[in-house]
PDB file of all heavy atoms in Angstrom:
ATOM      1  N   MET A   1      -7.410  -5.073 -20.889  1.00  0.00           N
ATOM      2  CA  MET A   1      -8.658  -5.643 -21.411  1.00  0.00           C
ATOM      3  C   MET A   1      -9.575  -4.536 -21.922  1.00  0.00           C
ATOM      4  O   MET A   1      -9.597  -3.409 -21.380  1.00  0.00           O
ATOM      5  CB  MET A   1      -9.369  -6.452 -20.326  1.00  0.00           C
ATOM      6  CG  MET A   1      -8.534  -7.632 -19.821  1.00  0.00           C
ATOM      7  SD  MET A   1      -8.127  -8.844 -21.105  1.00  0.00           S
ATOM      8  CE  MET A   1      -8.855 -10.317 -20.406  1.00  0.00           C
ATOM      9  N   LEU A   2     -10.348  -4.850 -22.937  1.00  0.00           N
ATOM     10  CA  LEU A   2     -11.297  -3.888 -23.492  1.00  0.00           C
ATOM     11  C   LEU A   2     -12.261  -3.410 -22.405  1.00  0.00           C
ATOM     12  O   LEU A   2     -12.762  -4.205 -21.602  1.00  0.00           O
ATOM     13  CB  LEU A   2     -12.075  -4.518 -24.645  1.00  0.00           C
ATOM     14  CG  LEU A   2     -11.249  -4.913 -25.868  1.00  0.00           C
ATOM     15  CD1 LEU A   2     -12.124  -5.651 -26.881  1.00  0.00           C
ATOM     16  CD2 LEU A   2     -10.587  -3.683 -26.517  1.00  0.00           C
ATOM     17  N   GLY A   3     -12.505  -2.121 -22.393  1.00  0.00           N
ATOM     18  CA  GLY A   3     -13.424  -1.556 -21.416  1.00  0.00           C
ATOM     19  C   GLY A   3     -12.830  -1.357 -20.039  1.00  0.00           C
ATOM     20  O   GLY A   3     -13.513  -0.836 -19.155  1.00  0.00           O
ATOM     21  N   ALA A   4     -11.574  -1.761 -19.826  1.00  0.00           N
ATOM     22  CA  ALA A   4     -10.905  -1.613 -18.531  1.00  0.00           C
ATOM     23  C   ALA A   4      -9.887  -0.480 -18.647  1.00  0.00           C
ATOM     24  O   ALA A   4      -8.835  -0.646 -19.258  1.00  0.00           O
ATOM     25  CB  ALA A   4     -10.230  -2.912 -18.118  1.00  0.00           C
ATOM     26  N   SER A   5     -10.209   0.661 -18.059  1.00  0.00           N
ATOM     27  CA  SER A   5      -9.358   1.855 -18.172  1.00  0.00           C
ATOM     28  C   SER A   5      -8.236   1.763 -17.150  1.00  0.00           C
ATOM     29  O   SER A   5      -8.208   2.466 -16.133  1.00  0.00           O
ATOM     30  CB  SER A   5     -10.197   3.116 -17.956  1.00  0.00           C
ATOM     31  OG  SER A   5      -9.409   4.266 -18.151  1.00  0.00           O
ATOM     32  N   VAL A   6      -7.281   0.888 -17.427  1.00  0.00           N
ATOM     33  CA  VAL A   6      -6.171   0.604 -16.525  1.00  0.00           C
ATOM     34  C   VAL A   6      -5.048   1.605 -16.757  1.00  0.00           C
ATOM     35  O   VAL A   6      -4.641   1.846 -17.905  1.00  0.00           O
ATOM     36  CB  VAL A   6      -5.638  -0.832 -16.754  1.00  0.00           C
ATOM     37  CG1 VAL A   6      -4.419  -1.109 -15.871  1.00  0.00           C
ATOM     38  CG2 VAL A   6      -6.734  -1.858 -16.493  1.00  0.00           C
ATOM     39  N   GLU A   7      -4.543   2.188 -15.683  1.00  0.00           N
ATOM     40  CA  GLU A   7      -3.383   3.049 -15.751  1.00  0.00           C
ATOM     41  C   GLU A   7      -2.424   2.695 -14.623  1.00  0.00           C
ATOM     42  O   GLU A   7      -2.819   2.078 -13.616  1.00  0.00           O
ATOM     43  CB  GLU A   7      -3.772   4.530 -15.610  1.00  0.00           C
ATOM     44  CG  GLU A   7      -4.728   5.050 -16.684  1.00  0.00           C
ATOM     45  CD  GLU A   7      -4.070   5.219 -18.051  1.00  0.00           C
ATOM     46  OE1 GLU A   7      -2.838   5.009 -18.171  1.00  0.00           O
ATOM     47  OE2 GLU A   7      -4.798   5.579 -18.997  1.00  0.00           O
ATOM     48  N   ALA A   8      -1.155   3.065 -14.796  1.00  0.00           N
ATOM     49  CA  ALA A   8      -0.161   3.006 -13.721  1.00  0.00           C
ATOM     50  C   ALA A   8       0.028   4.423 -13.189  1.00  0.00           C
ATOM     51  O   ALA A   8       0.412   5.308 -13.962  1.00  0.00           O
ATOM     52  CB  ALA A   8       1.158   2.436 -14.242  1.00  0.00           C
ATOM     53  N   TYR A   9      -0.273   4.637 -11.921  1.00  0.00           N
ATOM     54  CA  TYR A   9      -0.154   5.973 -11.335  1.00  0.00           C
ATOM     55  C   TYR A   9       1.126   6.082 -10.529  1.00  0.00           C
ATOM     56  O   TYR A   9       1.477   5.184  -9.757  1.00  0.00           O
ATOM     57  CB  TYR A   9      -1.350   6.244 -10.416  1.00  0.00           C
ATOM     58  CG  TYR A   9      -2.519   6.938 -11.061  1.00  0.00           C
ATOM     59  CD1 TYR A   9      -2.646   7.014 -12.445  1.00  0.00           C
ATOM     60  CD2 TYR A   9      -3.506   7.539 -10.292  1.00  0.00           C
ATOM     61  CE1 TYR A   9      -3.735   7.651 -13.035  1.00  0.00           C
ATOM     62  CE2 TYR A   9      -4.595   8.182 -10.851  1.00  0.00           C
ATOM     63  CZ  TYR A   9      -4.699   8.237 -12.225  1.00  0.00           C
ATOM     64  OH  TYR A   9      -5.783   8.870 -12.800  1.00  0.00           O
ATOM     65  N   ASP A  10       1.798   7.233 -10.691  1.00  0.00           N
ATOM     66  CA  ASP A  10       2.982   7.489  -9.856  1.00  0.00           C
ATOM     67  C   ASP A  10       2.538   8.092  -8.528  1.00  0.00           C
ATOM     68  O   ASP A  10       1.329   8.187  -8.230  1.00  0.00           O
ATOM     69  CB  ASP A  10       3.968   8.384 -10.598  1.00  0.00           C
ATOM     70  CG  ASP A  10       3.419   9.777 -10.890  1.00  0.00           C
ATOM     71  OD1 ASP A  10       2.380  10.170 -10.315  1.00  0.00           O
ATOM     72  OD2 ASP A  10       4.038  10.498 -11.697  1.00  0.00           O
ATOM     73  N   ASP A  11       3.500   8.554  -7.726  1.00  0.00           N
ATOM     74  CA  ASP A  11       3.179   9.067  -6.396  1.00  0.00           C
ATOM     75  C   ASP A  11       2.349  10.343  -6.436  1.00  0.00           C
ATOM     76  O   ASP A  11       1.692  10.698  -5.454  1.00  0.00           O
ATOM     77  CB  ASP A  11       4.483   9.346  -5.618  1.00  0.00           C
ATOM     78  CG  ASP A  11       5.216   8.068  -5.254  1.00  0.00           C
ATOM     79  OD1 ASP A  11       4.561   6.997  -5.241  1.00  0.00           O
ATOM     80  OD2 ASP A  11       6.438   8.131  -4.988  1.00  0.00           O
ATOM     81  N   GLN A  12       2.376  11.041  -7.589  1.00  0.00           N
ATOM     82  CA  GLN A  12       1.552  12.255  -7.738  1.00  0.00           C
ATOM     83  C   GLN A  12       0.208  11.958  -8.391  1.00  0.00           C
ATOM     84  O   GLN A  12      -0.517  12.862  -8.804  1.00  0.00           O
ATOM     85  CB  GLN A  12       2.315  13.302  -8.577  1.00  0.00           C
ATOM     86  CG  GLN A  12       3.425  14.006  -7.816  1.00  0.00           C
ATOM     87  CD  GLN A  12       4.622  13.104  -7.543  1.00  0.00           C
ATOM     88  OE1 GLN A  12       5.108  12.435  -8.461  1.00  0.00           O
ATOM     89  NE2 GLN A  12       5.078  13.069  -6.305  1.00  0.00           N
ATOM     90  N   HIS A  13      -0.121  10.661  -8.508  1.00  0.00           N
ATOM     91  CA  HIS A  13      -1.384  10.211  -9.102  1.00  0.00           C
ATOM     92  C   HIS A  13      -1.496  10.655 -10.561  1.00  0.00           C
ATOM     93  O   HIS A  13      -2.570  11.005 -11.058  1.00  0.00           O
ATOM     94  CB  HIS A  13      -2.592  10.728  -8.309  1.00  0.00           C
ATOM     95  CG  HIS A  13      -2.612  10.262  -6.878  1.00  0.00           C
ATOM     96  ND1 HIS A  13      -3.377  10.851  -5.896  1.00  0.00           N
ATOM     97  CD2 HIS A  13      -1.928   9.248  -6.261  1.00  0.00           C
ATOM     98  CE1 HIS A  13      -3.179  10.235  -4.745  1.00  0.00           C
ATOM     99  NE2 HIS A  13      -2.314   9.249  -4.957  1.00  0.00           N
ATOM    100  N   GLU A  14      -0.354  10.579 -11.259  1.00  0.00           N
ATOM    101  CA  GLU A  14      -0.322  10.844 -12.690  1.00  0.00           C
ATOM    102  C   GLU A  14       0.043   9.552 -13.417  1.00  0.00           C
ATOM    103  O   GLU A  14       0.858   8.760 -12.939  1.00  0.00           O
ATOM    104  CB  GLU A  14       0.731  11.908 -13.021  1.00  0.00           C
ATOM    105  CG  GLU A  14       0.417  13.281 -12.441  1.00  0.00           C
ATOM    106  CD  GLU A  14      -0.834  13.898 -13.071  1.00  0.00           C
ATOM    107  OE1 GLU A  14      -1.142  13.565 -14.236  1.00  0.00           O
ATOM    108  OE2 GLU A  14      -1.490  14.711 -12.390  1.00  0.00           O
ATOM    109  N   PRO A  15      -0.563   9.312 -14.600  1.00  0.00           N
ATOM    110  CA  PRO A  15      -0.252   8.074 -15.330  1.00  0.00           C
ATOM    111  C   PRO A  15       1.173   8.065 -15.857  1.00  0.00           C
ATOM    112  O   PRO A  15       1.690   9.098 -16.316  1.00  0.00           O
ATOM    113  CB  PRO A  15      -1.270   8.077 -16.477  1.00  0.00           C
ATOM    114  CG  PRO A  15      -1.697   9.497 -16.626  1.00  0.00           C
ATOM    115  CD  PRO A  15      -1.584  10.124 -15.282  1.00  0.00           C
ATOM    116  N   VAL A  16       1.829   6.903 -15.748  1.00  0.00           N
ATOM    117  CA  VAL A  16       3.192   6.754 -16.257  1.00  0.00           C
ATOM    118  C   VAL A  16       3.242   5.530 -17.175  1.00  0.00           C
ATOM    119  O   VAL A  16       2.495   4.565 -17.006  1.00  0.00           O
ATOM    120  CB  VAL A  16       4.214   6.598 -15.112  1.00  0.00           C
ATOM    121  CG1 VAL A  16       4.327   7.885 -14.329  1.00  0.00           C
ATOM    122  CG2 VAL A  16       3.846   5.431 -14.181  1.00  0.00           C
ATOM    123  N   VAL A  17       4.140   5.576 -18.147  1.00  0.00           N
ATOM    124  CA  VAL A  17       4.388   4.465 -19.067  1.00  0.00           C
ATOM    125  C   VAL A  17       5.843   4.089 -18.956  1.00  0.00           C
ATOM    126  O   VAL A  17       6.729   4.963 -18.908  1.00  0.00           O
ATOM    127  CB  VAL A  17       4.017   4.841 -20.515  1.00  0.00           C
ATOM    128  CG1 VAL A  17       4.412   3.737 -21.477  1.00  0.00           C
ATOM    129  CG2 VAL A  17       2.528   5.150 -20.626  1.00  0.00           C
ATOM    130  N   GLY A  18       6.111   2.796 -18.890  1.00  0.00           N
ATOM    131  CA  GLY A  18       7.486   2.337 -18.805  1.00  0.00           C
ATOM    132  C   GLY A  18       8.089   2.439 -17.424  1.00  0.00           C
ATOM    133  O   GLY A  18       9.296   2.268 -17.254  1.00  0.00           O
ATOM    134  N   ALA A  19       7.260   2.720 -16.431  1.00  0.00           N
ATOM    135  CA  ALA A  19       7.735   2.831 -15.053  1.00  0.00           C
ATOM    136  C   ALA A  19       6.718   2.186 -14.127  1.00  0.00           C
ATOM    137  O   ALA A  19       5.516   2.116 -14.427  1.00  0.00           O
ATOM    138  CB  ALA A  19       7.937   4.310 -14.667  1.00  0.00           C
ATOM    139  N   LEU A  20       7.208   1.715 -12.991  1.00  0.00           N
ATOM    140  CA  LEU A  20       6.347   1.066 -12.025  1.00  0.00           C
ATOM    141  C   LEU A  20       5.376   2.054 -11.423  1.00  0.00           C
ATOM    142  O   LEU A  20       5.744   3.171 -11.057  1.00  0.00           O
ATOM    143  CB  LEU A  20       7.199   0.443 -10.918  1.00  0.00           C
ATOM    144  CG  LEU A  20       6.508  -0.504  -9.930  1.00  0.00           C
ATOM    145  CD1 LEU A  20       6.078  -1.774 -10.651  1.00  0.00           C
ATOM    146  CD2 LEU A  20       7.453  -0.847  -8.781  1.00  0.00           C
ATOM    147  N   GLY A  21       4.109   1.655 -11.323  1.00  0.00           N
ATOM    148  CA  GLY A  21       3.089   2.521 -10.748  1.00  0.00           C
ATOM    149  C   GLY A  21       2.001   1.712 -10.084  1.00  0.00           C
ATOM    150  O   GLY A  21       1.951   0.485 -10.164  1.00  0.00           O
ATOM    151  N   GLU A  22       1.110   2.416  -9.429  1.00  0.00           N
ATOM    152  CA  GLU A  22      -0.046   1.812  -8.760  1.00  0.00           C
ATOM    153  C   GLU A  22      -1.109   1.492  -9.801  1.00  0.00           C
ATOM    154  O   GLU A  22      -1.464   2.344 -10.620  1.00  0.00           O
ATOM    155  CB  GLU A  22      -0.595   2.795  -7.731  1.00  0.00           C
ATOM    156  CG  GLU A  22      -1.735   2.291  -6.909  1.00  0.00           C
ATOM    157  CD  GLU A  22      -1.288   1.587  -5.653  1.00  0.00           C
ATOM    158  OE1 GLU A  22      -0.394   2.090  -4.961  1.00  0.00           O
ATOM    159  OE2 GLU A  22      -1.857   0.524  -5.380  1.00  0.00           O
ATOM    160  N   LEU A  23      -1.610   0.260  -9.799  1.00  0.00           N
ATOM    161  CA  LEU A  23      -2.663  -0.122 -10.748  1.00  0.00           C
ATOM    162  C   LEU A  23      -3.970   0.529 -10.330  1.00  0.00           C
ATOM    163  O   LEU A  23      -4.484   0.290  -9.237  1.00  0.00           O
ATOM    164  CB  LEU A  23      -2.817  -1.644 -10.790  1.00  0.00           C
ATOM    165  CG  LEU A  23      -3.666  -2.238 -11.920  1.00  0.00           C
ATOM    166  CD1 LEU A  23      -3.342  -3.715 -12.102  1.00  0.00           C
ATOM    167  CD2 LEU A  23      -5.164  -2.076 -11.739  1.00  0.00           C
ATOM    168  N   VAL A  24      -4.505   1.345 -11.224  1.00  0.00           N
ATOM    169  CA  VAL A  24      -5.772   2.011 -10.966  1.00  0.00           C
ATOM    170  C   VAL A  24      -6.694   1.834 -12.174  1.00  0.00           C
ATOM    171  O   VAL A  24      -6.240   1.563 -13.285  1.00  0.00           O
ATOM    172  CB  VAL A  24      -5.596   3.523 -10.678  1.00  0.00           C
ATOM    173  CG1 VAL A  24      -4.750   3.741  -9.435  1.00  0.00           C
ATOM    174  CG2 VAL A  24      -5.008   4.244 -11.878  1.00  0.00           C
ATOM    175  N   ILE A  25      -8.004   1.990 -11.909  1.00  0.00           N
ATOM    176  CA  ILE A  25      -9.025   1.998 -12.956  1.00  0.00           C
ATOM    177  C   ILE A  25      -9.677   3.359 -12.914  1.00  0.00           C
ATOM    178  O   ILE A  25     -10.239   3.757 -11.886  1.00  0.00           O
ATOM    179  CB  ILE A  25     -10.079   0.891 -12.749  1.00  0.00           C
ATOM    180  CG1 ILE A  25      -9.428  -0.456 -12.407  1.00  0.00           C
ATOM    181  CG2 ILE A  25     -10.974   0.760 -13.977  1.00  0.00           C
ATOM    182  CD1 ILE A  25      -8.549  -1.017 -13.471  1.00  0.00           C
ATOM    183  N   THR A  26      -9.624   4.081 -14.032  1.00  0.00           N
ATOM    184  CA  THR A  26     -10.065   5.478 -14.014  1.00  0.00           C
ATOM    185  C   THR A  26     -11.472   5.688 -14.553  1.00  0.00           C
ATOM    186  O   THR A  26     -11.999   6.807 -14.467  1.00  0.00           O
ATOM    187  CB  THR A  26      -9.089   6.342 -14.832  1.00  0.00           C
ATOM    188  OG1 THR A  26      -9.096   5.893 -16.189  1.00  0.00           O
ATOM    189  CG2 THR A  26      -7.682   6.250 -14.269  1.00  0.00           C
ATOM    190  N   ARG A  27     -12.076   4.657 -15.132  1.00  0.00           N
ATOM    191  CA  ARG A  27     -13.462   4.754 -15.622  1.00  0.00           C
ATOM    192  C   ARG A  27     -14.217   3.508 -15.138  1.00  0.00           C
ATOM    193  O   ARG A  27     -13.627   2.455 -14.938  1.00  0.00           O
ATOM    194  CB  ARG A  27     -13.509   4.806 -17.158  1.00  0.00           C
ATOM    195  CG  ARG A  27     -12.737   5.940 -17.813  1.00  0.00           C
ATOM    196  CD  ARG A  27     -13.326   7.322 -17.508  1.00  0.00           C
ATOM    197  NE  ARG A  27     -14.673   7.524 -17.987  1.00  0.00           N
ATOM    198  CZ  ARG A  27     -14.988   7.991 -19.205  1.00  0.00           C
ATOM    199  NH1 ARG A  27     -14.023   8.273 -20.069  1.00  0.00           N
ATOM    200  NH2 ARG A  27     -16.243   8.186 -19.539  1.00  0.00           N
ATOM    201  N   PRO A  28     -15.515   3.614 -14.987  1.00  0.00           N
ATOM    202  CA  PRO A  28     -16.272   2.469 -14.454  1.00  0.00           C
ATOM    203  C   PRO A  28     -16.317   1.283 -15.407  1.00  0.00           C
ATOM    204  O   PRO A  28     -16.184   1.438 -16.639  1.00  0.00           O
ATOM    205  CB  PRO A  28     -17.674   3.040 -14.227  1.00  0.00           C
ATOM    206  CG  PRO A  28     -17.764   4.245 -15.098  1.00  0.00           C
ATOM    207  CD  PRO A  28     -16.382   4.796 -15.191  1.00  0.00           C
ATOM    208  N   MET A  29     -16.487   0.098 -14.839  1.00  0.00           N
ATOM    209  CA  MET A  29     -16.706  -1.140 -15.582  1.00  0.00           C
ATOM    210  C   MET A  29     -18.058  -1.709 -15.128  1.00  0.00           C
ATOM    211  O   MET A  29     -18.420  -1.606 -13.961  1.00  0.00           O
ATOM    212  CB  MET A  29     -15.613  -2.173 -15.303  1.00  0.00           C
ATOM    213  CG  MET A  29     -14.231  -1.770 -15.783  1.00  0.00           C
ATOM    214  SD  MET A  29     -12.938  -2.897 -15.164  1.00  0.00           S
ATOM    215  CE  MET A  29     -13.464  -4.484 -15.892  1.00  0.00           C
ATOM    216  N   PRO A  30     -18.807  -2.358 -16.048  1.00  0.00           N
ATOM    217  CA  PRO A  30     -20.132  -2.870 -15.656  1.00  0.00           C
ATOM    218  C   PRO A  30     -20.085  -3.904 -14.538  1.00  0.00           C
ATOM    219  O   PRO A  30     -21.065  -4.035 -13.787  1.00  0.00           O
ATOM    220  CB  PRO A  30     -20.657  -3.492 -16.959  1.00  0.00           C
ATOM    221  CG  PRO A  30     -19.880  -2.858 -18.048  1.00  0.00           C
ATOM    222  CD  PRO A  30     -18.533  -2.541 -17.483  1.00  0.00           C
ATOM    223  N   SER A  31     -18.973  -4.647 -14.429  1.00  0.00           N
ATOM    224  CA  SER A  31     -18.918  -5.693 -13.411  1.00  0.00           C
ATOM    225  C   SER A  31     -18.288  -5.241 -12.097  1.00  0.00           C
ATOM    226  O   SER A  31     -18.020  -6.069 -11.232  1.00  0.00           O
ATOM    227  CB  SER A  31     -18.184  -6.926 -13.942  1.00  0.00           C
ATOM    228  OG  SER A  31     -16.808  -6.635 -14.159  1.00  0.00           O
ATOM    229  N   MET A  32     -18.037  -3.939 -11.969  1.00  0.00           N
ATOM    230  CA  MET A  32     -17.691  -3.454 -10.633  1.00  0.00           C
ATOM    231  C   MET A  32     -18.846  -3.777  -9.692  1.00  0.00           C
ATOM    232  O   MET A  32     -20.003  -3.847 -10.115  1.00  0.00           O
ATOM    233  CB  MET A  32     -17.402  -1.951 -10.657  1.00  0.00           C
ATOM    234  CG  MET A  32     -16.029  -1.627 -11.233  1.00  0.00           C
ATOM    235  SD  MET A  32     -15.707   0.153 -11.302  1.00  0.00           S
ATOM    236  CE  MET A  32     -13.984   0.141 -11.827  1.00  0.00           C
ATOM    237  N   PRO A  33     -18.548  -4.014  -8.420  1.00  0.00           N
ATOM    238  CA  PRO A  33     -19.619  -4.461  -7.515  1.00  0.00           C
ATOM    239  C   PRO A  33     -20.802  -3.493  -7.439  1.00  0.00           C
ATOM    240  O   PRO A  33     -20.626  -2.264  -7.545  1.00  0.00           O
ATOM    241  CB  PRO A  33     -18.915  -4.545  -6.156  1.00  0.00           C
ATOM    242  CG  PRO A  33     -17.452  -4.635  -6.464  1.00  0.00           C
ATOM    243  CD  PRO A  33     -17.256  -3.875  -7.731  1.00  0.00           C
ATOM    244  N   ILE A  34     -21.972  -4.067  -7.255  1.00  0.00           N
ATOM    245  CA  ILE A  34     -23.120  -3.234  -6.894  1.00  0.00           C
ATOM    246  C   ILE A  34     -22.831  -2.583  -5.546  1.00  0.00           C
ATOM    247  O   ILE A  34     -23.254  -1.474  -5.255  1.00  0.00           O
ATOM    248  CB  ILE A  34     -24.387  -4.113  -6.795  1.00  0.00           C
ATOM    249  CG1 ILE A  34     -24.709  -4.751  -8.132  1.00  0.00           C
ATOM    250  CG2 ILE A  34     -25.568  -3.304  -6.298  1.00  0.00           C
ATOM    251  CD1 ILE A  34     -25.727  -5.857  -8.018  1.00  0.00           C
ATOM    252  N   GLY A  35     -22.084  -3.310  -4.718  1.00  0.00           N
ATOM    253  CA  GLY A  35     -21.724  -2.851  -3.390  1.00  0.00           C
ATOM    254  C   GLY A  35     -21.344  -4.041  -2.535  1.00  0.00           C
ATOM    255  O   GLY A  35     -21.146  -5.149  -3.047  1.00  0.00           O
ATOM    256  N   PHE A  36     -21.220  -3.830  -1.245  1.00  0.00           N
ATOM    257  CA  PHE A  36     -21.010  -4.910  -0.296  1.00  0.00           C
ATOM    258  C   PHE A  36     -22.329  -5.173   0.428  1.00  0.00           C
ATOM    259  O   PHE A  36     -23.039  -4.227   0.793  1.00  0.00           O
ATOM    260  CB  PHE A  36     -19.948  -4.539   0.745  1.00  0.00           C
ATOM    261  CG  PHE A  36     -18.564  -4.358   0.184  1.00  0.00           C
ATOM    262  CD1 PHE A  36     -17.595  -3.689   0.912  1.00  0.00           C
ATOM    263  CD2 PHE A  36     -18.213  -4.858  -1.073  1.00  0.00           C
ATOM    264  CE1 PHE A  36     -16.308  -3.517   0.428  1.00  0.00           C
ATOM    265  CE2 PHE A  36     -16.945  -4.689  -1.582  1.00  0.00           C
ATOM    266  CZ  PHE A  36     -15.984  -4.016  -0.837  1.00  0.00           C
ATOM    267  N   TRP A  37     -22.634  -6.440   0.636  1.00  0.00           N
ATOM    268  CA  TRP A  37     -23.896  -6.798   1.297  1.00  0.00           C
ATOM    269  C   TRP A  37     -23.932  -6.161   2.702  1.00  0.00           C
ATOM    270  O   TRP A  37     -22.968  -6.265   3.457  1.00  0.00           O
ATOM    271  CB  TRP A  37     -24.018  -8.316   1.399  1.00  0.00           C
ATOM    272  CG  TRP A  37     -25.411  -8.733   1.769  1.00  0.00           C
ATOM    273  CD1 TRP A  37     -25.940  -8.886   3.014  1.00  0.00           C
ATOM    274  CD2 TRP A  37     -26.476  -9.009   0.850  1.00  0.00           C
ATOM    275  NE1 TRP A  37     -27.250  -9.250   2.943  1.00  0.00           N
ATOM    276  CE2 TRP A  37     -27.607  -9.346   1.633  1.00  0.00           C
ATOM    277  CE3 TRP A  37     -26.568  -9.023  -0.535  1.00  0.00           C
ATOM    278  CZ2 TRP A  37     -28.837  -9.691   1.053  1.00  0.00           C
ATOM    279  CZ3 TRP A  37     -27.790  -9.370  -1.116  1.00  0.00           C
ATOM    280  CH2 TRP A  37     -28.898  -9.692  -0.325  1.00  0.00           C
ATOM    281  N   GLY A  38     -25.024  -5.495   3.002  1.00  0.00           N
ATOM    282  CA  GLY A  38     -25.199  -4.906   4.320  1.00  0.00           C
ATOM    283  C   GLY A  38     -24.551  -3.546   4.496  1.00  0.00           C
ATOM    284  O   GLY A  38     -24.750  -2.893   5.526  1.00  0.00           O
ATOM    285  N   ASP A  39     -23.805  -3.092   3.508  1.00  0.00           N
ATOM    286  CA  ASP A  39     -23.107  -1.799   3.567  1.00  0.00           C
ATOM    287  C   ASP A  39     -24.062  -0.735   3.029  1.00  0.00           C
ATOM    288  O   ASP A  39     -23.896  -0.224   1.923  1.00  0.00           O
ATOM    289  CB  ASP A  39     -21.830  -1.896   2.740  1.00  0.00           C
ATOM    290  CG  ASP A  39     -20.995  -0.627   2.755  1.00  0.00           C
ATOM    291  OD1 ASP A  39     -21.058   0.113   3.743  1.00  0.00           O
ATOM    292  OD2 ASP A  39     -20.270  -0.396   1.756  1.00  0.00           O
ATOM    293  N   THR A  40     -25.092  -0.416   3.810  1.00  0.00           N
ATOM    294  CA  THR A  40     -26.217   0.339   3.284  1.00  0.00           C
ATOM    295  C   THR A  40     -25.843   1.733   2.809  1.00  0.00           C
ATOM    296  O   THR A  40     -26.428   2.246   1.841  1.00  0.00           O
ATOM    297  CB  THR A  40     -27.326   0.452   4.350  1.00  0.00           C
ATOM    298  OG1 THR A  40     -26.740   0.945   5.580  1.00  0.00           O
ATOM    299  CG2 THR A  40     -27.943  -0.915   4.616  1.00  0.00           C
TER     300      THR A  40
END
């Protein structure tokens, strides 16, 4: 999605293409939470 810096990370936390990896977001998105309620 536009504005969603999605990458697949391998075990060394490097982006991979064409291989299974951990879904990560490497840049902020405006709708990321402000936080958790009460988590001061």
